[in-house]
């Protein structure tokens, strides 16, 4: 097959490489010329994706994978077009911003040829595939969906850093606008993916047809919104435990020792492209979802709650030098999308603190680009707040921070034995 993948980001490029590894001819489209150049030189345009470098070195020289900025080069004659363009959420209104996706879809439609299977993998509000992409593609192409081309939604269900492993591990969900489209999507994914044996699943691992695009759209929103709601519940438990001298982690471990409880871990923030974003996409189509809205509010308030605890213990943060450890939203991932660092820094500055930020994945210039003064362990500091669960932070000790008066562990990763003689706050511990 000739397969086109639209957007070669941290999900799209590994996906394109996977299709090429399966023996197909793949053309990736991206608006970033540097990304296109890197792919065509068989270089990783971003670090940290296990197996991506070797996949590029195997498929690009063999002629099975190439990249372009030109939709006219990629889309015509494709058997399948897979779209992984980001959908953003307006931070002020929490409404979905379709700008990039609309532009990409127009470009696809303008070059779409009969017989093509179009698959959107970007997480979407329920109804978007049928209500937005179908009429847009039909209008731009002059073709009819279900007759001249087929449109399907199939959500990506992978995490950056382990995309190839996750593609094997999790069922591939699909939902078409017609039975024929669903059949074609099933055959497509069966030809480009292989699946691990999963005896724990209610049906064999592989391609699962959910019966409609709307069901597939909701499945992705539901599985991610569940995590946000679960974390919100854990954070509420944590705040109660803090005020009653209880160790919430011991409580959660006890609860989860039987199979009906699956309480997640609390923490200083919920970040990334997925967990804090997809509940908002769900709320955009179900504004009456009280539980979802409340959980999102609880999680969004956690950075300020943690800073409040530090303020209460010290009496004031005014004029104190506070080091925030971790700009990334998740340990080991160089990404700040919706990272808690922004809210933590804002809350600290509102209380008069002199804020500095450190992260082993970011240079001083990169940190300064966000408007933060960089911090280097070994420099004097009054307060340290662990915002990201980087592995390196498990080994930090009081001696690394001259003058420290308080450690605030927002991720429950530090070793209490290393902090003897220093006040220490841990989210979820009284």
Protein backbone atom coordinates (compact mmCIF):
# COMPACT_ATOMS: atom_id res chain seq x y z
CA UNK A 1 0.00 0.00 0.00
CA UNK A 2 0.86 3.64 -0.32
CA UNK A 3 0.15 5.20 3.07
CA UNK A 4 0.29 8.89 3.91
CA UNK A 5 0.71 10.01 7.51
CA UNK A 6 -0.19 13.64 8.19
CA UNK A 7 1.90 15.24 10.99
CA UNK A 8 5.22 13.68 11.97
CA UNK A 9 5.19 14.48 15.67
CA UNK A 10 5.91 12.25 18.64
CA UNK A 11 3.01 9.96 17.71
CA UNK A 12 2.80 10.40 13.94
CA UNK A 13 6.43 9.68 13.09
CA UNK A 14 6.67 6.39 15.04
CA UNK A 15 3.35 5.41 13.49
CA UNK A 16 4.70 6.13 10.00
CA UNK A 17 7.83 4.14 10.80
CA UNK A 18 5.71 1.22 12.03
CA UNK A 19 3.78 1.16 8.75
CA UNK A 20 7.04 1.19 6.81
CA UNK A 21 8.50 -1.57 8.98
CA UNK A 22 5.45 -3.63 8.00
CA UNK A 23 6.59 -3.40 4.37
CA UNK A 24 4.44 -0.57 3.02
CA UNK A 25 5.44 2.61 1.19
CA UNK A 26 4.90 5.55 3.51
CA UNK A 27 4.99 9.29 2.88
CA UNK A 28 4.88 11.58 5.90
CA UNK A 29 3.59 15.14 5.61
CA UNK A 30 4.65 17.85 8.03
CA UNK A 31 4.71 21.64 7.90
CA UNK A 32 8.07 21.73 9.71
CA UNK A 33 10.85 21.67 7.13
CA UNK A 34 13.44 20.73 9.77
CA UNK A 35 11.41 17.65 10.72
CA UNK A 36 11.06 16.66 7.08
CA UNK A 37 14.80 17.08 6.52
CA UNK A 38 15.66 15.00 9.57
CA UNK A 39 13.36 12.16 8.53
CA UNK A 40 14.75 12.10 4.99
CA UNK A 41 18.24 11.89 6.49
CA UNK A 42 17.09 9.00 8.72
CA UNK A 43 17.68 11.14 11.84
CA UNK A 44 15.37 11.38 14.84
CA UNK A 45 13.91 14.92 14.96
CA UNK A 46 13.23 14.51 18.70
CA UNK A 47 14.85 12.36 21.39
CA UNK A 48 13.48 9.70 23.67
CA UNK A 49 11.37 7.40 21.46
CA UNK A 50 12.56 3.83 21.95
CA UNK A 51 13.25 2.10 18.64
CA UNK A 52 12.60 5.11 16.42
CA UNK A 53 16.22 5.67 15.39
CA UNK A 54 16.72 2.10 14.25
CA UNK A 55 13.35 2.12 12.45
CA UNK A 56 14.33 5.23 10.49
CA UNK A 57 17.73 3.79 9.62
CA UNK A 58 16.05 0.66 8.30
CA UNK A 59 13.15 2.13 6.36
CA UNK A 60 14.39 5.46 4.96
CA UNK A 61 17.44 4.14 3.04
CA UNK A 62 15.27 1.26 1.79
CA UNK A 63 12.89 3.79 0.22
CA UNK A 64 9.88 2.73 2.28
CA UNK A 65 9.63 5.97 4.27
CA UNK A 66 10.12 9.55 3.20
CA UNK A 67 8.81 12.93 4.27
CA UNK A 68 7.54 16.04 2.51
CA UNK A 69 5.91 19.39 3.23
CA UNK A 70 3.76 19.07 0.10
CA UNK A 71 0.28 17.55 0.38
CA UNK A 72 0.12 17.32 -3.41
CA UNK A 73 3.10 14.98 -3.24
CA UNK A 74 1.72 12.77 -0.49
CA UNK A 75 -2.06 12.48 -0.71
CA UNK A 76 -3.01 11.66 -4.34
CA UNK A 77 -3.12 7.93 -5.01
CA UNK A 78 -2.84 6.94 -1.36
CA UNK A 79 -4.58 3.78 -0.27
CA UNK A 80 -4.83 5.21 3.24
CA UNK A 81 -4.30 8.63 4.82
CA UNK A 82 -3.75 8.62 8.58
CA UNK A 83 -4.13 11.97 10.36
CA UNK A 84 -2.36 12.69 13.66
CA UNK A 85 -2.47 16.50 13.64
CA UNK A 86 -2.68 18.03 17.15
CA UNK A 87 -5.97 19.38 18.46
CA UNK A 88 -5.42 22.14 20.97
CA UNK A 89 -7.62 23.38 23.79
CA UNK A 90 -7.92 27.10 24.49
CA UNK A 91 -6.47 27.64 27.96
CA UNK A 92 -8.84 30.52 28.71
CA UNK A 93 -12.13 29.01 27.53
CA UNK A 94 -11.23 25.27 27.58
CA UNK A 95 -12.86 25.05 24.11
CA UNK A 96 -11.26 22.91 21.39
CA UNK A 97 -9.23 24.87 18.86
CA UNK A 98 -9.48 23.11 15.50
CA UNK A 99 -7.20 25.55 13.65
CA UNK A 100 -4.38 23.16 12.75
CA UNK A 101 -6.70 20.23 12.11
CA UNK A 102 -9.00 22.26 9.88
CA UNK A 103 -6.05 23.46 7.80
CA UNK A 104 -4.69 19.94 7.42
CA UNK A 105 -8.08 18.49 6.56
CA UNK A 106 -8.66 21.14 3.89
CA UNK A 107 -5.28 20.25 2.37
CA UNK A 108 -6.15 16.55 2.42
CA UNK A 109 -9.52 17.18 0.81
CA UNK A 110 -8.03 19.30 -1.96
CA UNK A 111 -5.81 16.40 -3.04
CA UNK A 112 -7.98 13.40 -2.13
CA UNK A 113 -8.45 10.80 -4.86
CA UNK A 114 -11.15 8.11 -5.18
CA UNK A 115 -10.70 4.89 -3.27
CA UNK A 116 -8.79 6.36 -0.34
CA UNK A 117 -9.39 5.35 3.28
CA UNK A 118 -9.05 8.40 5.55
CA UNK A 119 -8.43 7.70 9.24
CA UNK A 120 -8.27 10.29 12.00
CA UNK A 121 -6.25 9.20 15.04
CA UNK A 122 -6.21 12.55 16.87
CA UNK A 123 -8.43 12.49 19.96
CA UNK A 124 -11.68 14.31 19.14
CA UNK A 125 -14.92 15.44 20.77
CA UNK A 126 -17.71 12.96 20.08
CA UNK A 127 -19.35 13.65 16.71
CA UNK A 128 -16.39 15.44 15.09
CA UNK A 129 -15.55 12.78 12.51
CA UNK A 130 -19.10 12.68 11.14
CA UNK A 131 -20.13 16.27 11.78
CA UNK A 132 -16.95 18.16 10.88
CA UNK A 133 -14.48 16.10 8.86
CA UNK A 134 -16.97 14.35 6.55
CA UNK A 135 -18.60 17.54 5.15
CA UNK A 136 -15.26 19.32 4.97
CA UNK A 137 -13.58 16.52 3.01
CA UNK A 138 -16.59 16.13 0.72
CA UNK A 139 -16.72 19.86 -0.01
CA UNK A 140 -13.00 20.17 -0.79
CA UNK A 141 -12.66 16.96 -2.79
CA UNK A 142 -15.99 16.84 -4.62
CA UNK A 143 -16.13 13.17 -3.59
CA UNK A 144 -18.80 11.38 -1.57
CA UNK A 145 -17.93 9.61 1.67
CA UNK A 146 -19.05 5.99 1.73
CA UNK A 147 -18.94 5.78 -2.05
CA UNK A 148 -15.80 7.51 -3.36
CA UNK A 149 -13.76 7.40 -0.13
CA UNK A 150 -14.20 6.08 3.39
CA UNK A 151 -13.79 7.93 6.68
CA UNK A 152 -12.96 6.24 10.00
CA UNK A 153 -11.94 7.26 13.50
CA UNK A 154 -9.30 5.20 15.28
CA UNK A 155 -7.81 6.82 18.40
CA UNK A 156 -4.12 6.62 19.14
CA UNK A 157 -3.63 4.85 22.49
CA UNK A 158 0.11 5.10 23.00
CA UNK A 159 2.52 7.00 25.23
CA UNK A 160 5.54 8.85 23.92
CA UNK A 161 8.72 6.96 24.62
CA UNK A 162 7.10 3.56 24.13
CA UNK A 163 4.94 3.92 21.01
CA UNK A 164 6.09 0.74 19.27
CA UNK A 165 5.49 -1.39 22.38
CA UNK A 166 2.07 0.16 22.99
CA UNK A 167 0.99 -0.46 19.39
CA UNK A 168 1.51 -4.17 20.05
CA UNK A 169 0.05 -4.18 23.54
CA UNK A 170 -3.32 -2.45 23.22
CA UNK A 171 -6.31 -3.28 20.98
CA UNK A 172 -6.71 -0.94 18.00
CA UNK A 173 -10.13 0.64 18.28
CA UNK A 174 -11.94 1.69 15.12
CA UNK A 175 -15.30 3.21 14.26
CA UNK A 176 -16.45 3.88 10.73
CA UNK A 177 -19.18 5.97 9.15
CA UNK A 178 -20.21 2.88 7.16
CA UNK A 179 -19.76 -0.89 7.50
CA UNK A 180 -17.55 -0.95 4.42
CA UNK A 181 -15.32 1.76 5.85
CA UNK A 182 -14.99 -0.18 9.09
CA UNK A 183 -14.10 -3.34 7.18
CA UNK A 184 -11.42 -1.50 5.22
CA UNK A 185 -9.99 0.02 8.40
CA UNK A 186 -9.91 -3.39 10.07
CA UNK A 187 -8.02 -4.87 7.12
CA UNK A 188 -5.68 -1.87 7.04
CA UNK A 189 -4.62 -2.11 10.68
CA UNK A 190 -4.32 -5.87 10.49
CA UNK A 191 -1.78 -5.36 7.70
CA UNK A 192 0.35 -2.76 9.51
CA UNK A 193 0.24 -3.89 13.16
CA UNK A 194 0.99 -7.03 15.11
CA UNK A 195 -0.49 -7.64 18.54
CA UNK A 196 0.76 -9.23 21.74
CA UNK A 197 -1.15 -12.11 23.27
CA UNK A 198 -3.43 -10.70 25.97
CA UNK A 199 -5.23 -13.49 27.90
CA UNK A 200 -6.48 -10.82 30.33
CA UNK A 201 -8.76 -9.26 27.67
CA UNK A 202 -12.42 -10.24 27.16
CA UNK A 203 -11.72 -10.88 23.46
CA UNK A 204 -8.56 -11.52 21.42
CA UNK A 205 -6.16 -8.62 21.13
CA UNK A 206 -6.27 -6.98 17.71
CA UNK A 207 -8.54 -4.59 15.84
CA UNK A 208 -11.81 -3.95 17.69
CA UNK A 209 -14.68 -2.42 15.70
CA UNK A 210 -16.85 -0.37 18.09
CA UNK A 211 -19.64 0.02 15.53
CA UNK A 212 -19.52 3.77 14.92
CA UNK A 213 -17.12 6.68 14.82
CA UNK A 214 -18.94 8.20 17.78
CA UNK A 215 -18.35 5.11 19.94
CA UNK A 216 -14.65 5.10 19.08
CA UNK A 217 -14.39 8.83 19.81
CA UNK A 218 -16.07 8.35 23.18
CA UNK A 219 -13.90 5.36 24.07
CA UNK A 220 -10.73 7.47 23.87
CA UNK A 221 -12.27 10.33 25.84
CA UNK A 222 -13.69 7.96 28.44
CA UNK A 223 -10.49 6.04 29.13
CA UNK A 224 -8.50 9.24 29.62
CA UNK A 225 -11.19 11.16 31.49
CA UNK A 226 -11.44 8.19 33.87
CA UNK A 227 -7.79 8.76 34.78
CA UNK A 228 -8.35 12.45 35.46
CA UNK A 229 -11.41 11.70 37.62
CA UNK A 230 -9.53 8.95 39.45
CA UNK A 231 -6.59 11.25 40.16
CA UNK A 232 -9.01 13.95 41.28
CA UNK A 233 -10.51 11.52 43.79
CA UNK A 234 -7.01 10.54 44.95
CA UNK A 235 -6.14 14.21 45.40
CA UNK A 236 -9.26 14.81 47.49
CA UNK A 237 -8.35 11.81 49.64
CA UNK A 238 -4.79 13.16 49.90
CA UNK A 239 -5.89 16.57 51.13
CA UNK A 240 -8.12 14.99 53.77
CA UNK A 241 -5.29 12.67 54.82
CA UNK A 242 -2.91 15.60 55.18
CA UNK A 243 -5.25 17.33 57.62
CA UNK A 244 -5.75 14.18 59.71
CA UNK A 245 -2.21 12.87 60.01
CA UNK A 246 -2.83 9.93 57.66
CA UNK A 247 -0.46 8.47 55.06
CA UNK A 248 -2.65 8.28 51.96
CA UNK A 249 -0.19 6.00 50.14
CA UNK A 250 -0.56 3.31 52.79
CA UNK A 251 -4.33 3.71 52.51
CA UNK A 252 -4.30 3.45 48.71
CA UNK A 253 -2.06 0.37 48.76
CA UNK A 254 -4.44 -1.23 51.25
CA UNK A 255 -7.49 -0.40 49.13
CA UNK A 256 -5.89 -1.66 45.92
CA UNK A 257 -4.99 -4.99 47.51
CA UNK A 258 -8.42 -6.26 46.45
CA UNK A 259 -9.55 -6.34 42.80
CA UNK A 260 -12.40 -3.81 43.01
CA UNK A 261 -10.29 -0.77 43.89
CA UNK A 262 -7.95 0.94 41.44
CA UNK A 263 -7.19 4.26 43.12
CA UNK A 264 -4.46 6.23 41.35
CA UNK A 265 -1.71 8.27 43.04
CA UNK A 266 -2.20 11.91 44.08
CA UNK A 267 0.28 14.58 43.05
CA UNK A 268 1.14 18.23 42.68
CA UNK A 269 -0.18 18.45 39.11
CA UNK A 270 -1.70 16.61 36.17
CA UNK A 271 0.03 17.55 32.92
CA UNK A 272 0.65 16.48 29.37
CA UNK A 273 -1.26 16.52 26.10
CA UNK A 274 -3.84 13.97 27.27
CA UNK A 275 -5.10 13.75 30.86
CA UNK A 276 -5.76 17.46 31.49
CA UNK A 277 -7.01 18.06 27.93
CA UNK A 278 -9.37 15.25 26.98
CA UNK A 279 -11.80 15.82 29.88
CA UNK A 280 -12.25 19.31 28.45
CA UNK A 281 -12.99 17.82 25.05
CA UNK A 282 -15.59 15.61 26.71
CA UNK A 283 -17.08 18.58 28.57
CA UNK A 284 -17.34 20.44 25.26
CA UNK A 285 -20.03 17.95 24.19
CA UNK A 286 -21.40 17.03 27.64
CA UNK A 287 -21.38 20.25 29.69
CA UNK A 288 -23.63 18.68 32.35
CA UNK A 289 -20.93 16.17 33.39
CA UNK A 290 -20.58 17.29 37.00
CA UNK A 291 -18.10 14.63 38.14
CA UNK A 292 -15.75 15.32 35.23
CA UNK A 293 -15.87 19.08 35.80
CA UNK A 294 -15.27 18.76 39.54
CA UNK A 295 -12.32 16.41 39.12
CA UNK A 296 -10.71 18.73 36.60
CA UNK A 297 -11.10 21.64 39.01
CA UNK A 298 -9.61 19.64 41.90
CA UNK A 299 -6.58 18.64 39.85
CA UNK A 300 -6.06 22.14 38.48
CA UNK A 301 -6.02 23.50 42.05
CA UNK A 302 -3.32 21.15 43.35
CA UNK A 303 -0.29 23.38 42.56
CA UNK A 304 -1.77 26.24 44.59
CA UNK A 305 -2.72 23.82 47.39
CA UNK A 306 0.87 22.58 47.67
CA UNK A 307 2.25 26.13 47.71
CA UNK A 308 -0.32 27.02 50.39
CA UNK A 309 0.96 24.17 52.57
CA UNK A 310 4.50 25.50 52.27
CA UNK A 311 3.32 29.01 53.11
CA UNK A 312 1.46 27.81 56.20
CA UNK A 313 4.48 25.91 57.50
CA UNK A 314 6.96 28.76 57.01
CA UNK A 315 4.56 31.61 57.75
CA UNK A 316 5.48 33.43 54.54
CA UNK A 317 7.33 32.86 51.29
CA UNK A 318 7.92 36.55 50.70
CA UNK A 319 11.50 37.10 49.61
CA UNK A 320 12.46 33.43 49.96
CA UNK A 321 14.40 31.71 47.19
CA UNK A 322 12.36 28.72 46.03
CA UNK A 323 13.72 26.14 43.58
CA UNK A 324 11.19 24.20 41.52
CA UNK A 325 12.66 20.90 40.39
CA UNK A 326 11.21 19.80 37.10
CA UNK A 327 9.79 21.71 34.15
CA UNK A 328 8.60 18.62 32.30
CA UNK A 329 5.08 17.37 32.97
CA UNK A 330 6.29 13.76 33.38
CA UNK A 331 9.55 12.19 34.44
CA UNK A 332 11.94 11.35 31.63
CA UNK A 333 9.95 13.20 28.97
CA UNK A 334 11.14 16.52 27.57
CA UNK A 335 7.73 18.11 27.22
CA UNK A 336 6.07 20.96 29.12
CA UNK A 337 2.52 20.67 27.71
CA UNK A 338 0.16 21.67 30.54
CA UNK A 339 2.98 20.99 32.99
CA UNK A 340 2.31 21.85 36.61
CA UNK A 341 5.46 23.96 36.62
CA UNK A 342 3.58 26.93 35.21
CA UNK A 343 0.93 26.99 37.94
CA UNK A 344 3.52 26.29 40.67
CA UNK A 345 5.71 29.18 39.56
CA UNK A 346 2.69 31.47 39.28
CA UNK A 347 1.49 30.55 42.79
CA UNK A 348 4.96 31.08 44.26
CA UNK A 349 5.41 34.45 42.61
CA UNK A 350 1.98 35.52 43.86
CA UNK A 351 3.29 34.92 47.40
CA UNK A 352 6.41 36.98 46.84
CA UNK A 353 8.89 34.12 46.39
CA UNK A 354 12.00 34.47 44.24
CA UNK A 355 11.52 31.48 41.95
CA UNK A 356 14.23 29.49 40.16
CA UNK A 357 13.69 26.35 38.07
CA UNK A 358 15.84 23.32 37.31
CA UNK A 359 15.36 20.34 35.02
CA UNK A 360 18.03 17.89 33.81
CA UNK A 361 16.38 17.68 30.39
CA UNK A 362 16.48 21.44 29.75
CA UNK A 363 19.41 23.82 29.26
CA UNK A 364 19.66 27.14 31.06
CA UNK A 365 18.76 28.93 27.83
CA UNK A 366 15.67 26.77 27.38
CA UNK A 367 14.52 27.45 30.93
CA UNK A 368 15.17 31.17 30.47
CA UNK A 369 13.06 31.00 27.32
CA UNK A 370 10.07 30.19 29.51
CA UNK A 371 10.79 33.26 31.62
CA UNK A 372 12.44 31.41 34.53
CA UNK A 373 15.76 31.95 36.23
CA UNK A 374 17.70 28.66 36.05
CA UNK A 375 18.74 26.92 39.26
CA UNK A 376 21.75 24.66 39.79
CA UNK A 377 21.82 22.20 42.70
CA UNK A 378 24.52 23.35 45.08
CA UNK A 379 23.40 26.97 44.99
CA UNK A 380 21.82 28.34 48.21
CA UNK A 381 18.04 28.06 48.43
CA UNK A 382 15.35 28.31 51.11
CA UNK A 383 12.72 25.93 49.70
CA UNK A 384 12.80 23.10 47.17
CA UNK A 385 9.62 21.87 45.46
CA UNK A 386 9.76 18.60 43.50
CA UNK A 387 7.35 19.09 40.60
CA UNK A 388 8.44 16.33 38.20
CA UNK A 389 9.13 12.69 39.01
CA UNK A 390 12.50 12.51 37.24
CA UNK A 391 14.47 9.46 38.36
CA UNK A 392 17.40 11.68 39.37
CA UNK A 393 15.26 13.37 42.02
CA UNK A 394 14.95 10.11 43.95
CA UNK A 395 18.58 10.56 45.03
CA UNK A 396 18.56 14.21 46.08
CA UNK A 397 19.43 15.00 49.69
CA UNK A 398 19.48 17.98 52.03
CA UNK A 399 23.21 18.43 51.50
CA UNK A 400 22.61 19.21 47.81
CA UNK A 401 20.81 22.43 48.72
CA UNK A 402 22.76 24.76 51.06
CA UNK A 403 20.52 26.73 53.42
CA UNK A 404 17.38 24.71 52.68
CA UNK A 405 14.59 25.11 55.24
CA UNK A 406 11.83 23.09 53.59
CA UNK A 407 11.44 20.32 51.01
CA UNK A 408 8.05 19.97 49.32
CA UNK A 409 7.78 16.63 47.56
CA UNK A 410 4.92 16.87 45.12
CA UNK A 411 5.47 13.36 43.73
CA UNK A 412 6.32 11.22 46.80
CA UNK A 413 9.67 10.17 45.34
CA UNK A 414 12.25 11.49 47.82
CA UNK A 415 13.84 9.40 50.58
CA UNK A 416 12.96 10.70 54.06
CA UNK A 417 16.26 9.36 55.43
CA UNK A 418 18.15 11.82 53.24
CA UNK A 419 16.28 14.79 54.72
CA UNK A 420 16.92 14.43 58.44
CA UNK A 421 16.85 17.83 60.13
CA UNK A 422 14.91 19.53 57.30
CA UNK A 423 11.16 20.10 57.30
CA UNK A 424 9.58 17.92 54.62
CA UNK A 425 6.09 18.06 53.13
CA UNK A 426 4.80 15.23 50.94
CA UNK A 427 1.51 15.45 49.07
CA UNK A 428 -0.91 13.07 50.80
CA UNK A 429 0.98 12.75 54.06
CA UNK A 430 0.01 14.57 57.22
